[in-house]
Amino acid sequence: MPELDDWLRRRARTNQIGGASRTFVVCEGNRVIAYYALASGAVKQPEAPGRFRRNVPDPIPVAVLGRLAIDGAYQGRGIGRALVRDAGLRLLNAAEILGIRGVLVHAISEDARAFYEAVGFLPSPSDPMMLMVGLHDLKSALNF
């Protein structure tokens, strides 16, 4: 998708330097074939799926999985699932030192939404394109 390519070229480095997000890439040779970004965030309780909002503060502290993208020539090879797993491992480690209830993602298409649901994310009751998963549930879904 052009907007995802553009974000990587124009924003990833600036966000990295400024501390707004951290970007992780998969390369084949000198070519980036996939990437994702992580940032901190929060979500209001009414926007979270039911189970996700029990016994937590409002707003709920989350990590934001943003801009996950895979080169079209490499789609369907399990790279997306591997990137979500990699992000999950990083976030489980981060949760040892700071409060993170789960992971939030904004799906950019119906296909992306279906992908996130397949790896354990649940849609927000207020916006089906905003999905969340608790860290424990992500750990189970990705067989850590």
N, C-alpha and C. Protein backbone atom coordinates (compact mmCIF):
# COMPACT_ATOMS: atom_id res chain seq x y z
N MET A 1 0.84 -1.19 0.00
CA MET A 1 0.00 0.00 0.00
C MET A 1 0.88 1.24 0.00
N PRO A 2 0.59 2.17 -0.84
CA PRO A 2 1.43 3.37 -0.93
C PRO A 2 1.56 4.14 0.39
N GLU A 3 0.45 4.25 1.15
CA GLU A 3 0.54 5.02 2.39
C GLU A 3 1.44 4.35 3.42
N LEU A 4 1.51 3.02 3.40
CA LEU A 4 2.40 2.32 4.33
C LEU A 4 3.85 2.47 3.90
N ASP A 5 4.11 2.40 2.60
CA ASP A 5 5.46 2.65 2.09
C ASP A 5 5.90 4.07 2.42
N ASP A 6 4.99 5.01 2.22
CA ASP A 6 5.29 6.42 2.47
C ASP A 6 5.60 6.65 3.95
N TRP A 7 4.83 6.02 4.85
CA TRP A 7 5.07 6.19 6.28
C TRP A 7 6.48 5.71 6.64
N LEU A 8 6.87 4.57 6.11
CA LEU A 8 8.20 4.03 6.42
C LEU A 8 9.28 4.99 5.93
N ARG A 9 9.12 5.51 4.74
CA ARG A 9 10.13 6.42 4.18
C ARG A 9 10.17 7.78 4.88
N ARG A 10 9.01 8.31 5.22
CA ARG A 10 8.94 9.70 5.70
C ARG A 10 8.83 9.87 7.21
N ARG A 11 8.25 8.90 7.91
CA ARG A 11 7.95 9.12 9.33
C ARG A 11 8.69 8.20 10.29
N ALA A 12 9.03 7.00 9.89
CA ALA A 12 9.58 6.02 10.83
C ALA A 12 10.82 6.54 11.55
N ARG A 13 11.76 7.08 10.80
CA ARG A 13 13.01 7.55 11.42
C ARG A 13 12.76 8.74 12.35
N THR A 14 11.94 9.68 11.91
CA THR A 14 11.62 10.84 12.74
C THR A 14 10.94 10.39 14.04
N ASN A 15 9.99 9.48 13.93
CA ASN A 15 9.32 8.96 15.12
C ASN A 15 10.28 8.21 16.03
N GLN A 16 11.20 7.48 15.43
CA GLN A 16 12.20 6.74 16.21
C GLN A 16 13.07 7.71 17.01
N ILE A 17 13.60 8.71 16.33
CA ILE A 17 14.48 9.69 16.98
C ILE A 17 13.73 10.47 18.05
N GLY A 18 12.50 10.85 17.76
CA GLY A 18 11.71 11.63 18.70
C GLY A 18 11.08 10.83 19.83
N GLY A 19 11.18 9.51 19.76
CA GLY A 19 10.62 8.67 20.82
C GLY A 19 9.14 8.40 20.70
N ALA A 20 8.53 8.75 19.57
CA ALA A 20 7.09 8.54 19.40
C ALA A 20 6.74 7.08 19.13
N SER A 21 7.64 6.36 18.47
CA SER A 21 7.42 4.94 18.19
C SER A 21 8.76 4.28 17.91
N ARG A 22 8.71 2.97 17.90
CA ARG A 22 9.88 2.17 17.53
C ARG A 22 9.47 1.30 16.35
N THR A 23 10.30 1.27 15.33
CA THR A 23 9.99 0.53 14.11
C THR A 23 10.95 -0.64 13.97
N PHE A 24 10.39 -1.79 13.61
CA PHE A 24 11.16 -3.02 13.44
C PHE A 24 10.94 -3.50 12.01
N VAL A 25 12.03 -3.87 11.34
CA VAL A 25 11.94 -4.23 9.92
C VAL A 25 12.46 -5.64 9.68
N VAL A 26 11.95 -6.24 8.61
CA VAL A 26 12.44 -7.51 8.10
C VAL A 26 13.03 -7.20 6.73
N CYS A 27 14.27 -7.62 6.52
CA CYS A 27 14.94 -7.34 5.25
C CYS A 27 15.34 -8.62 4.55
N GLU A 28 15.38 -8.54 3.25
CA GLU A 28 16.00 -9.56 2.42
C GLU A 28 17.06 -8.82 1.63
N GLY A 29 18.30 -9.07 1.98
CA GLY A 29 19.38 -8.26 1.42
C GLY A 29 19.23 -6.83 1.90
N ASN A 30 19.24 -5.89 0.97
CA ASN A 30 19.06 -4.48 1.32
C ASN A 30 17.62 -4.01 1.20
N ARG A 31 16.72 -4.92 0.92
CA ARG A 31 15.32 -4.57 0.67
C ARG A 31 14.46 -4.84 1.91
N VAL A 32 13.71 -3.83 2.34
CA VAL A 32 12.75 -4.02 3.43
C VAL A 32 11.54 -4.75 2.85
N ILE A 33 11.20 -5.89 3.43
CA ILE A 33 10.05 -6.65 2.94
C ILE A 33 8.86 -6.60 3.90
N ALA A 34 9.11 -6.16 5.13
CA ALA A 34 8.01 -6.04 6.10
C ALA A 34 8.47 -5.17 7.26
N TYR A 35 7.50 -4.61 7.95
CA TYR A 35 7.83 -3.83 9.14
C TYR A 35 6.60 -3.65 10.01
N TYR A 36 6.85 -3.25 11.25
CA TYR A 36 5.79 -2.80 12.13
C TYR A 36 6.37 -1.77 13.08
N ALA A 37 5.49 -1.02 13.71
CA ALA A 37 5.90 -0.01 14.69
C ALA A 37 5.13 -0.24 15.99
N LEU A 38 5.77 0.09 17.10
CA LEU A 38 5.14 0.03 18.42
C LEU A 38 5.19 1.40 19.07
N ALA A 39 4.13 1.75 19.75
CA ALA A 39 4.06 3.00 20.50
C ALA A 39 3.22 2.75 21.75
N SER A 40 3.29 3.67 22.68
CA SER A 40 2.43 3.56 23.86
C SER A 40 1.13 4.30 23.60
N GLY A 41 0.10 3.91 24.31
CA GLY A 41 -1.18 4.57 24.14
C GLY A 41 -2.12 4.21 25.27
N ALA A 42 -3.35 4.62 25.12
CA ALA A 42 -4.39 4.32 26.10
C ALA A 42 -5.73 4.27 25.37
N VAL A 43 -6.64 3.53 25.94
CA VAL A 43 -7.98 3.42 25.36
C VAL A 43 -9.00 3.57 26.50
N LYS A 44 -10.06 4.29 26.24
CA LYS A 44 -11.12 4.46 27.24
C LYS A 44 -11.87 3.14 27.41
N GLN A 45 -12.26 2.85 28.64
CA GLN A 45 -12.92 1.58 28.93
C GLN A 45 -14.09 1.24 28.01
N PRO A 46 -15.01 2.18 27.71
CA PRO A 46 -16.14 1.82 26.85
C PRO A 46 -15.73 1.38 25.43
N GLU A 47 -14.53 1.72 25.01
CA GLU A 47 -14.07 1.35 23.67
C GLU A 47 -13.41 -0.02 23.64
N ALA A 48 -13.17 -0.60 24.81
CA ALA A 48 -12.47 -1.89 24.89
C ALA A 48 -13.48 -3.03 24.90
N PRO A 49 -13.09 -4.19 24.33
CA PRO A 49 -13.95 -5.37 24.43
C PRO A 49 -14.18 -5.72 25.90
N GLY A 50 -15.33 -6.32 26.21
CA GLY A 50 -15.74 -6.57 27.58
C GLY A 50 -14.69 -7.12 28.52
N ARG A 51 -14.13 -8.25 28.21
CA ARG A 51 -13.16 -8.91 29.08
C ARG A 51 -11.91 -8.06 29.30
N PHE A 52 -11.58 -7.28 28.30
CA PHE A 52 -10.37 -6.45 28.32
C PHE A 52 -10.45 -5.34 29.36
N ARG A 53 -11.67 -4.93 29.72
CA ARG A 53 -11.81 -3.75 30.59
C ARG A 53 -12.11 -4.08 32.04
N ARG A 54 -12.06 -5.32 32.42
CA ARG A 54 -12.33 -5.69 33.81
C ARG A 54 -11.14 -5.39 34.71
N ASN A 55 -11.43 -4.76 35.83
CA ASN A 55 -10.43 -4.49 36.88
C ASN A 55 -9.21 -3.74 36.39
N VAL A 56 -9.42 -2.73 35.55
CA VAL A 56 -8.32 -1.92 35.04
C VAL A 56 -8.67 -0.44 35.18
N PRO A 57 -7.67 0.42 35.14
CA PRO A 57 -7.95 1.86 35.22
C PRO A 57 -8.59 2.37 33.93
N ASP A 58 -9.14 3.57 34.01
CA ASP A 58 -9.68 4.22 32.82
C ASP A 58 -8.96 5.55 32.66
N PRO A 59 -8.23 5.76 31.58
CA PRO A 59 -8.08 4.90 30.41
C PRO A 59 -7.16 3.70 30.69
N ILE A 60 -7.30 2.71 29.84
CA ILE A 60 -6.53 1.47 29.96
C ILE A 60 -5.20 1.65 29.24
N PRO A 61 -4.07 1.38 29.93
CA PRO A 61 -2.77 1.50 29.26
C PRO A 61 -2.55 0.36 28.27
N VAL A 62 -2.17 0.71 27.07
CA VAL A 62 -1.94 -0.28 26.01
C VAL A 62 -0.68 0.06 25.22
N ALA A 63 -0.22 -0.92 24.50
CA ALA A 63 0.77 -0.69 23.46
C ALA A 63 -0.01 -0.60 22.15
N VAL A 64 0.45 0.22 21.25
CA VAL A 64 -0.20 0.36 19.95
C VAL A 64 0.69 -0.30 18.91
N LEU A 65 0.13 -1.30 18.24
CA LEU A 65 0.82 -1.95 17.12
C LEU A 65 0.39 -1.19 15.88
N GLY A 66 1.32 -0.48 15.30
CA GLY A 66 0.95 0.36 14.17
C GLY A 66 1.73 0.05 12.92
N ARG A 67 1.11 0.31 11.81
CA ARG A 67 1.80 0.29 10.53
C ARG A 67 2.40 -1.05 10.16
N LEU A 68 1.79 -2.14 10.57
CA LEU A 68 2.29 -3.45 10.15
C LEU A 68 2.06 -3.59 8.65
N ALA A 69 3.13 -3.85 7.92
CA ALA A 69 3.03 -3.94 6.46
C ALA A 69 3.97 -5.00 5.94
N ILE A 70 3.53 -5.68 4.89
CA ILE A 70 4.33 -6.72 4.25
C ILE A 70 4.28 -6.49 2.75
N ASP A 71 5.45 -6.52 2.12
CA ASP A 71 5.53 -6.40 0.66
C ASP A 71 4.60 -7.45 0.04
N GLY A 72 3.83 -7.04 -0.96
CA GLY A 72 2.88 -7.93 -1.60
C GLY A 72 3.48 -9.24 -2.09
N ALA A 73 4.72 -9.21 -2.54
CA ALA A 73 5.37 -10.42 -3.04
C ALA A 73 5.65 -11.42 -1.93
N TYR A 74 5.56 -10.99 -0.67
CA TYR A 74 5.89 -11.85 0.47
C TYR A 74 4.67 -12.19 1.32
N GLN A 75 3.50 -11.72 0.92
CA GLN A 75 2.30 -12.00 1.69
C GLN A 75 1.91 -13.47 1.56
N GLY A 76 1.24 -13.97 2.58
CA GLY A 76 0.81 -15.37 2.58
C GLY A 76 1.88 -16.35 3.00
N ARG A 77 2.98 -15.87 3.52
CA ARG A 77 4.09 -16.74 3.92
C ARG A 77 4.26 -16.82 5.44
N GLY A 78 3.33 -16.25 6.19
CA GLY A 78 3.42 -16.28 7.64
C GLY A 78 4.23 -15.16 8.25
N ILE A 79 4.66 -14.21 7.44
CA ILE A 79 5.48 -13.10 7.96
C ILE A 79 4.66 -12.21 8.88
N GLY A 80 3.41 -11.96 8.54
CA GLY A 80 2.56 -11.12 9.38
C GLY A 80 2.38 -11.72 10.76
N ARG A 81 2.08 -12.99 10.80
CA ARG A 81 1.93 -13.68 12.09
C ARG A 81 3.25 -13.64 12.87
N ALA A 82 4.36 -13.83 12.17
CA ALA A 82 5.67 -13.78 12.83
C ALA A 82 5.95 -12.38 13.39
N LEU A 83 5.53 -11.35 12.67
CA LEU A 83 5.72 -9.98 13.18
C LEU A 83 4.87 -9.72 14.41
N VAL A 84 3.62 -10.20 14.40
CA VAL A 84 2.78 -10.04 15.59
C VAL A 84 3.39 -10.81 16.76
N ARG A 85 3.92 -11.98 16.49
CA ARG A 85 4.58 -12.76 17.54
C ARG A 85 5.80 -12.01 18.08
N ASP A 86 6.60 -11.45 17.19
CA ASP A 86 7.77 -10.68 17.60
C ASP A 86 7.35 -9.49 18.47
N ALA A 87 6.33 -8.78 18.03
CA ALA A 87 5.83 -7.65 18.81
C ALA A 87 5.34 -8.13 20.18
N GLY A 88 4.64 -9.25 20.19
CA GLY A 88 4.15 -9.80 21.46
C GLY A 88 5.27 -10.12 22.42
N LEU A 89 6.33 -10.73 21.91
CA LEU A 89 7.49 -11.04 22.77
C LEU A 89 8.11 -9.77 23.32
N ARG A 90 8.27 -8.78 22.48
CA ARG A 90 8.83 -7.50 22.95
C ARG A 90 7.93 -6.87 24.01
N LEU A 91 6.63 -6.94 23.80
CA LEU A 91 5.70 -6.31 24.74
C LEU A 91 5.60 -7.08 26.05
N LEU A 92 5.71 -8.39 26.00
CA LEU A 92 5.73 -9.16 27.24
C LEU A 92 6.95 -8.77 28.08
N ASN A 93 8.07 -8.55 27.42
CA ASN A 93 9.26 -8.08 28.14
C ASN A 93 9.04 -6.68 28.69
N ALA A 94 8.47 -5.80 27.89
CA ALA A 94 8.21 -4.42 28.34
C ALA A 94 7.24 -4.41 29.51
N ALA A 95 6.28 -5.32 29.52
CA ALA A 95 5.28 -5.37 30.59
C ALA A 95 5.89 -5.73 31.94
N GLU A 96 7.11 -6.23 31.93
CA GLU A 96 7.81 -6.52 33.19
C GLU A 96 8.22 -5.23 33.89
N ILE A 97 8.36 -4.13 33.14
CA ILE A 97 8.84 -2.89 33.75
C ILE A 97 7.86 -1.73 33.67
N LEU A 98 6.77 -1.87 32.90
CA LEU A 98 5.77 -0.82 32.85
C LEU A 98 4.40 -1.42 32.61
N GLY A 99 3.37 -0.68 32.98
CA GLY A 99 2.02 -1.19 32.87
C GLY A 99 1.49 -1.19 31.45
N ILE A 100 1.21 -2.38 30.95
CA ILE A 100 0.59 -2.56 29.64
C ILE A 100 -0.49 -3.62 29.82
N ARG A 101 -1.72 -3.28 29.57
CA ARG A 101 -2.82 -4.25 29.70
C ARG A 101 -2.93 -5.13 28.45
N GLY A 102 -2.59 -4.55 27.31
CA GLY A 102 -2.72 -5.30 26.08
C GLY A 102 -2.24 -4.50 24.89
N VAL A 103 -2.68 -4.91 23.71
CA VAL A 103 -2.24 -4.32 22.45
C VAL A 103 -3.46 -3.83 21.68
N LEU A 104 -3.33 -2.65 21.11
CA LEU A 104 -4.37 -2.02 20.31
C LEU A 104 -3.87 -1.90 18.88
N VAL A 105 -4.74 -2.14 17.92
CA VAL A 105 -4.38 -1.95 16.52
C VAL A 105 -5.58 -1.36 15.78
N HIS A 106 -5.30 -0.52 14.81
CA HIS A 106 -6.33 0.03 13.93
C HIS A 106 -6.16 -0.64 12.57
N ALA A 107 -7.07 -1.54 12.23
CA ALA A 107 -6.99 -2.25 10.95
C ALA A 107 -7.32 -1.28 9.82
N ILE A 108 -6.56 -1.37 8.73
CA ILE A 108 -6.77 -0.44 7.61
C ILE A 108 -7.67 -1.01 6.52
N SER A 109 -8.06 -2.28 6.68
CA SER A 109 -8.93 -2.91 5.69
C SER A 109 -9.66 -4.08 6.34
N GLU A 110 -10.66 -4.60 5.65
CA GLU A 110 -11.37 -5.78 6.16
C GLU A 110 -10.44 -6.99 6.21
N ASP A 111 -9.54 -7.12 5.23
CA ASP A 111 -8.58 -8.22 5.25
C ASP A 111 -7.67 -8.12 6.46
N ALA A 112 -7.21 -6.90 6.76
CA ALA A 112 -6.35 -6.70 7.93
C ALA A 112 -7.12 -7.03 9.21
N ARG A 113 -8.38 -6.62 9.28
CA ARG A 113 -9.20 -6.92 10.45
C ARG A 113 -9.32 -8.43 10.65
N ALA A 114 -9.59 -9.15 9.57
CA ALA A 114 -9.71 -10.61 9.65
C ALA A 114 -8.39 -11.24 10.11
N PHE A 115 -7.27 -10.71 9.64
CA PHE A 115 -5.96 -11.21 10.06
C PHE A 115 -5.79 -11.04 11.57
N TYR A 116 -6.06 -9.83 12.07
CA TYR A 116 -5.89 -9.58 13.50
C TYR A 116 -6.83 -10.43 14.34
N GLU A 117 -8.05 -10.63 13.88
CA GLU A 117 -8.97 -11.50 14.61
C GLU A 117 -8.45 -12.93 14.64
N ALA A 118 -7.81 -13.37 13.56
CA ALA A 118 -7.27 -14.73 13.50
C ALA A 118 -6.13 -14.95 14.49
N VAL A 119 -5.45 -13.88 14.90
CA VAL A 119 -4.37 -14.03 15.88
C VAL A 119 -4.82 -13.59 17.27
N GLY A 120 -6.14 -13.49 17.50
CA GLY A 120 -6.64 -13.29 18.85
C GLY A 120 -7.16 -11.92 19.22
N PHE A 121 -7.07 -10.95 18.32
CA PHE A 121 -7.58 -9.61 18.63
C PHE A 121 -9.11 -9.60 18.57
N LEU A 122 -9.71 -8.77 19.42
CA LEU A 122 -11.17 -8.62 19.45
C LEU A 122 -11.54 -7.19 19.05
N PRO A 123 -12.63 -7.03 18.29
CA PRO A 123 -13.02 -5.68 17.88
C PRO A 123 -13.59 -4.87 19.03
N SER A 124 -13.38 -3.58 18.96
CA SER A 124 -13.96 -2.64 19.91
C SER A 124 -15.47 -2.58 19.69
N PRO A 125 -16.25 -2.44 20.77
CA PRO A 125 -17.69 -2.30 20.57
C PRO A 125 -18.06 -0.98 19.87
N SER A 126 -17.16 -0.01 19.89
CA SER A 126 -17.46 1.28 19.26
C SER A 126 -16.92 1.41 17.84
N ASP A 127 -15.96 0.55 17.46
CA ASP A 127 -15.35 0.64 16.14
C ASP A 127 -14.77 -0.72 15.77
N PRO A 128 -15.39 -1.45 14.85
CA PRO A 128 -14.90 -2.79 14.52
C PRO A 128 -13.52 -2.83 13.88
N MET A 129 -13.02 -1.67 13.43
CA MET A 129 -11.68 -1.62 12.84
C MET A 129 -10.60 -1.35 13.90
N MET A 130 -11.02 -1.08 15.12
CA MET A 130 -10.08 -0.95 16.24
C MET A 130 -10.18 -2.25 17.03
N LEU A 131 -9.06 -2.94 17.11
CA LEU A 131 -9.06 -4.25 17.76
C LEU A 131 -8.05 -4.26 18.90
N MET A 132 -8.32 -5.11 19.88
CA MET A 132 -7.43 -5.21 21.04
C MET A 132 -7.28 -6.66 21.46
N VAL A 133 -6.17 -6.92 22.12
CA VAL A 133 -5.94 -8.23 22.71
C VAL A 133 -5.14 -8.02 23.99
N GLY A 134 -5.52 -8.75 25.03
CA GLY A 134 -4.75 -8.73 26.26
C GLY A 134 -3.44 -9.47 26.05
N LEU A 135 -2.42 -9.10 26.79
CA LEU A 135 -1.12 -9.76 26.61
C LEU A 135 -1.21 -11.25 26.90
N HIS A 136 -1.97 -11.63 27.92
CA HIS A 136 -2.10 -13.06 28.23
C HIS A 136 -2.78 -13.81 27.09
N ASP A 137 -3.82 -13.21 26.52
CA ASP A 137 -4.52 -13.84 25.40
C ASP A 137 -3.64 -13.91 24.16
N LEU A 138 -2.84 -12.88 23.92
CA LEU A 138 -1.92 -12.90 22.78
C LEU A 138 -0.89 -14.01 22.95
N LYS A 139 -0.41 -14.14 24.17
CA LYS A 139 0.57 -15.19 24.47
C LYS A 139 -0.02 -16.56 24.16
N SER A 140 -1.26 -16.79 24.54
CA SER A 140 -1.92 -18.07 24.27
C SER A 140 -2.18 -18.26 22.78
N ALA A 141 -2.68 -17.22 22.11
CA ALA A 141 -3.02 -17.33 20.69
C ALA A 141 -1.81 -17.61 19.82
N LEU A 142 -0.66 -17.09 20.21
CA LEU A 142 0.55 -17.25 19.39
C LEU A 142 1.46 -18.36 19.91
N ASN A 143 0.95 -19.13 20.87
CA ASN A 143 1.68 -20.30 21.39
C ASN A 143 3.06 -19.98 21.92
N PHE A 144 3.15 -19.00 22.81
CA PHE A 144 4.44 -18.67 23.42
C PHE A 144 4.80 -19.73 24.43
